[in-house]
Each structure stands twice: as C-alpha cells, then as structure tokens.
Amino acid sequence: MTSILIVYHTQTGNTEKMAQEVAAGARAIGDIDVVCKKAGEATLEDLLKADGLAVGTPENFGYMSGMVKDFFDRTYYPAQDKVFRKAYVVFISAGNDGTGALKAIERIALGYKFKPVYNPVISRGSLTPEILAQCRELGGVLAGGCQAGIY
C-alpha cells in the first residue's frame, strides 16, 4: 500500500487546515495510507516508511517554523542514502510572501535528495476556498503519482 507522510506545524490553525486538505486529497485517490503528524511527533521511521512526503509550515520571520526545522534536524543524518528521490511537496501559510520558508525547505530537501513533484501551495493571508482546493490537489497529485510509480 502506498504511504504518504504529512508533516506540519501550526500556531494559528491555518497550516493544520491545509494539512487536513492535503490528507483528504491523498485519501481520495483510494488505497492510500495517510499519516498526518505534527512536526514534533513525526519520526525517522515515519519518514523512511513513506513513499511520499508533504511538508507544511507557517512562515515565521520569513522562515519555516522551528518545529519543522527540528524534524529535519532529527532525521537528516539517519535518513542519508535511505530517502533518495523520495517525492515531496510543500504547503505554507504565510503572513508575507512565503518565499523565505519555501527556499529554506527546498535547500534542505536538496540535502536529503528529495524529488519535488508539484508546485508548492502558499497561502498569503487568510485561507480561501481556492487555497484549500489547491491543497487537496497537492495531496492527490502526490499520492496518485506515488501509487502509480511515477515518482
């Protein structure tokens, strides 16, 4: 069975709402094991078991949240050479433009040698139905591609 890991941090609840939509999109593909965890609870084992990874963060001071960074810090060295070309996507709840958080995640993903498979979803300001629909699409594309063996 295809497994998708969604790792996120939230302070206002917006990123959690986005994560729930990513999960709904992944589940809509059918026969997908979706593991949705806050960054502080996600483990190396979760990462290694997953076929695809969705990372969600609020934008904090133009950067990803400290808890998402902590997840990367805890898993980076033990995951080396075990996650090569793992499919990943990003979703961000931003008060500004979200580009600083995105660049930081993309740089770390290069170190892991993850494979970006879809455009990031960045919500600037309040969540809209369009952003939530983009999150569902993000989850569906990640899960569907992993299930089909495309990624």
Protein backbone atom coordinates (compact mmCIF):
# COMPACT_ATOMS: atom_id res chain seq x y z
CA MET A 1 0.00 0.00 0.00
CA THR A 2 1.22 3.49 -0.85
CA SER A 3 2.05 5.61 2.19
CA ILE A 4 2.04 9.40 2.36
CA LEU A 5 3.53 11.28 5.32
CA ILE A 6 2.26 14.78 6.04
CA VAL A 7 4.49 16.67 8.47
CA TYR A 8 3.36 20.12 9.57
CA HIS A 9 3.45 22.71 12.31
CA THR A 10 0.72 25.18 13.12
CA GLN A 11 0.23 28.04 15.52
CA THR A 12 -2.98 29.70 14.33
CA GLY A 13 -4.57 26.53 12.92
CA ASN A 14 -4.22 27.58 9.27
CA THR A 15 -1.41 25.17 8.43
CA GLU A 16 -3.33 22.37 10.14
CA LYS A 17 -6.38 23.12 7.96
CA MET A 18 -4.13 22.99 4.92
CA ALA A 19 -2.65 19.67 6.12
CA GLN A 20 -6.14 18.22 6.52
CA GLU A 21 -6.94 19.16 2.93
CA VAL A 22 -3.68 17.63 1.67
CA ALA A 23 -4.64 14.45 3.56
CA ALA A 24 -8.15 14.49 2.08
CA GLY A 25 -6.72 14.81 -1.41
CA ALA A 26 -4.35 11.90 -0.83
CA ARG A 27 -7.13 9.71 0.62
CA ALA A 28 -9.38 10.50 -2.35
CA ILE A 29 -7.01 8.52 -4.57
CA GLY A 30 -8.02 5.35 -2.72
CA ASP A 31 -5.94 2.63 -1.07
CA ILE A 32 -3.50 5.18 0.40
CA ASP A 33 -2.13 5.07 3.93
CA VAL A 34 -2.02 8.70 5.04
CA VAL A 35 -0.02 9.54 8.16
CA CYS A 36 -0.57 13.15 9.22
CA LYS A 37 1.61 14.28 12.13
CA LYS A 38 2.70 17.47 13.77
CA ALA A 39 6.40 18.00 13.16
CA GLY A 40 7.32 17.42 16.81
CA GLU A 41 5.66 13.98 16.71
CA ALA A 42 6.92 12.77 13.32
CA THR A 43 9.80 10.31 13.44
CA LEU A 44 12.57 8.93 11.29
CA GLU A 45 10.58 5.70 10.98
CA ASP A 46 7.60 7.65 9.62
CA LEU A 47 9.83 9.27 7.02
CA LEU A 48 11.50 6.03 5.96
CA LYS A 49 8.18 4.16 5.60
CA ALA A 50 6.57 6.86 3.46
CA ASP A 51 6.54 6.76 -0.32
CA GLY A 52 5.87 10.49 -0.45
CA LEU A 53 6.23 13.45 1.90
CA ALA A 54 4.18 16.64 2.25
CA VAL A 55 5.74 19.37 4.41
CA GLY A 56 3.60 22.17 5.82
CA THR A 57 4.74 25.18 7.77
CA PRO A 58 3.68 28.63 8.79
CA GLU A 59 6.03 31.37 7.74
CA ASN A 60 7.83 32.57 10.87
CA PHE A 61 10.08 35.60 10.46
CA GLY A 62 10.47 34.76 6.78
CA TYR A 63 11.48 31.15 7.54
CA MET A 64 9.92 27.76 8.20
CA SER A 65 8.73 27.06 11.74
CA GLY A 66 11.27 25.87 14.27
CA MET A 67 9.38 22.61 14.73
CA VAL A 68 9.60 21.73 11.02
CA LYS A 69 13.31 22.57 11.13
CA ASP A 70 13.58 20.32 14.20
CA PHE A 71 12.01 17.44 12.25
CA PHE A 72 14.61 17.90 9.53
CA ASP A 73 17.42 18.17 12.10
CA ARG A 74 16.35 14.95 13.85
CA THR A 75 16.03 12.89 10.68
CA TYR A 76 18.66 14.24 8.32
CA TYR A 77 21.74 12.17 9.15
CA PRO A 78 19.96 8.89 9.95
CA ALA A 79 17.98 9.19 6.70
CA GLN A 80 21.01 9.77 4.49
CA ASP A 81 21.07 7.47 1.47
CA LYS A 82 17.71 5.98 2.53
CA VAL A 83 15.38 8.59 1.04
CA PHE A 84 17.00 9.23 -2.36
CA ARG A 85 14.46 10.70 -4.82
CA LYS A 86 11.57 10.45 -2.32
CA ALA A 87 8.72 12.53 -3.73
CA TYR A 88 7.86 15.65 -1.75
CA VAL A 89 5.58 18.68 -1.85
CA VAL A 90 5.31 21.83 0.26
CA PHE A 91 2.45 23.94 1.61
CA ILE A 92 2.92 27.19 3.52
CA SER A 93 0.68 29.55 5.45
CA ALA A 94 2.35 32.93 5.09
CA GLY A 95 1.79 36.34 6.56
CA ASN A 96 4.13 37.81 3.97
CA ASP A 97 5.09 36.11 0.72
CA GLY A 98 6.29 32.70 1.98
CA THR A 99 9.36 32.65 -0.26
CA GLY A 100 11.88 32.56 2.60
CA ALA A 101 10.24 29.49 4.14
CA LEU A 102 10.00 27.82 0.74
CA LYS A 103 13.63 28.46 -0.13
CA ALA A 104 14.76 27.07 3.23
CA ILE A 105 12.74 23.87 2.76
CA GLU A 106 13.92 23.47 -0.83
CA ARG A 107 17.54 23.85 0.25
CA ILE A 108 17.16 21.21 2.96
CA ALA A 109 15.33 18.91 0.51
CA LEU A 110 18.33 19.11 -1.81
CA GLY A 111 20.48 17.77 1.01
CA TYR A 112 18.13 14.85 1.55
CA LYS A 113 17.99 14.38 -2.23
CA PHE A 114 14.18 14.52 -2.19
CA LYS A 115 12.40 14.96 -5.52
CA PRO A 116 9.98 17.90 -5.80
CA VAL A 117 6.91 16.70 -7.70
CA TYR A 118 4.44 19.59 -7.71
CA ASN A 119 4.31 23.34 -7.29
CA PRO A 120 4.12 24.49 -3.67
CA VAL A 121 0.90 25.92 -2.30
CA ILE A 122 1.43 29.22 -0.49
CA SER A 123 -1.47 30.88 1.30
CA ARG A 124 -0.76 34.58 1.74
CA GLY A 125 -3.01 35.90 4.47
CA SER A 126 -6.38 34.30 5.16
CA LEU A 127 -7.18 30.83 3.86
CA THR A 128 -9.54 30.83 0.91
CA PRO A 129 -11.57 28.03 -0.66
CA GLU A 130 -9.20 28.22 -3.65
CA ILE A 131 -6.14 27.63 -1.47
CA LEU A 132 -7.81 24.70 0.27
CA ALA A 133 -8.72 23.22 -3.13
CA GLN A 134 -5.08 23.60 -4.18
CA CYS A 135 -4.06 21.71 -1.03
CA ARG A 136 -6.45 18.85 -1.90
CA GLU A 137 -4.97 18.77 -5.40
CA LEU A 138 -1.45 18.77 -3.95
CA GLY A 139 -2.26 15.70 -1.82
CA GLY A 140 -3.94 13.93 -4.71
CA VAL A 141 -1.07 14.51 -7.11
CA LEU A 142 1.49 13.32 -4.56
CA ALA A 143 -0.47 10.20 -3.63
CA GLY A 144 -1.55 9.36 -7.18
CA GLY A 145 1.99 9.71 -8.56
CA CYS A 146 3.42 7.59 -5.78
CA GLN A 147 0.74 4.94 -6.18
CA ALA A 148 1.26 4.80 -9.95
CA GLY A 149 5.04 4.53 -9.51
CA ILE A 150 5.65 7.75 -11.44
CA TYR A 151 7.71 9.26 -8.62
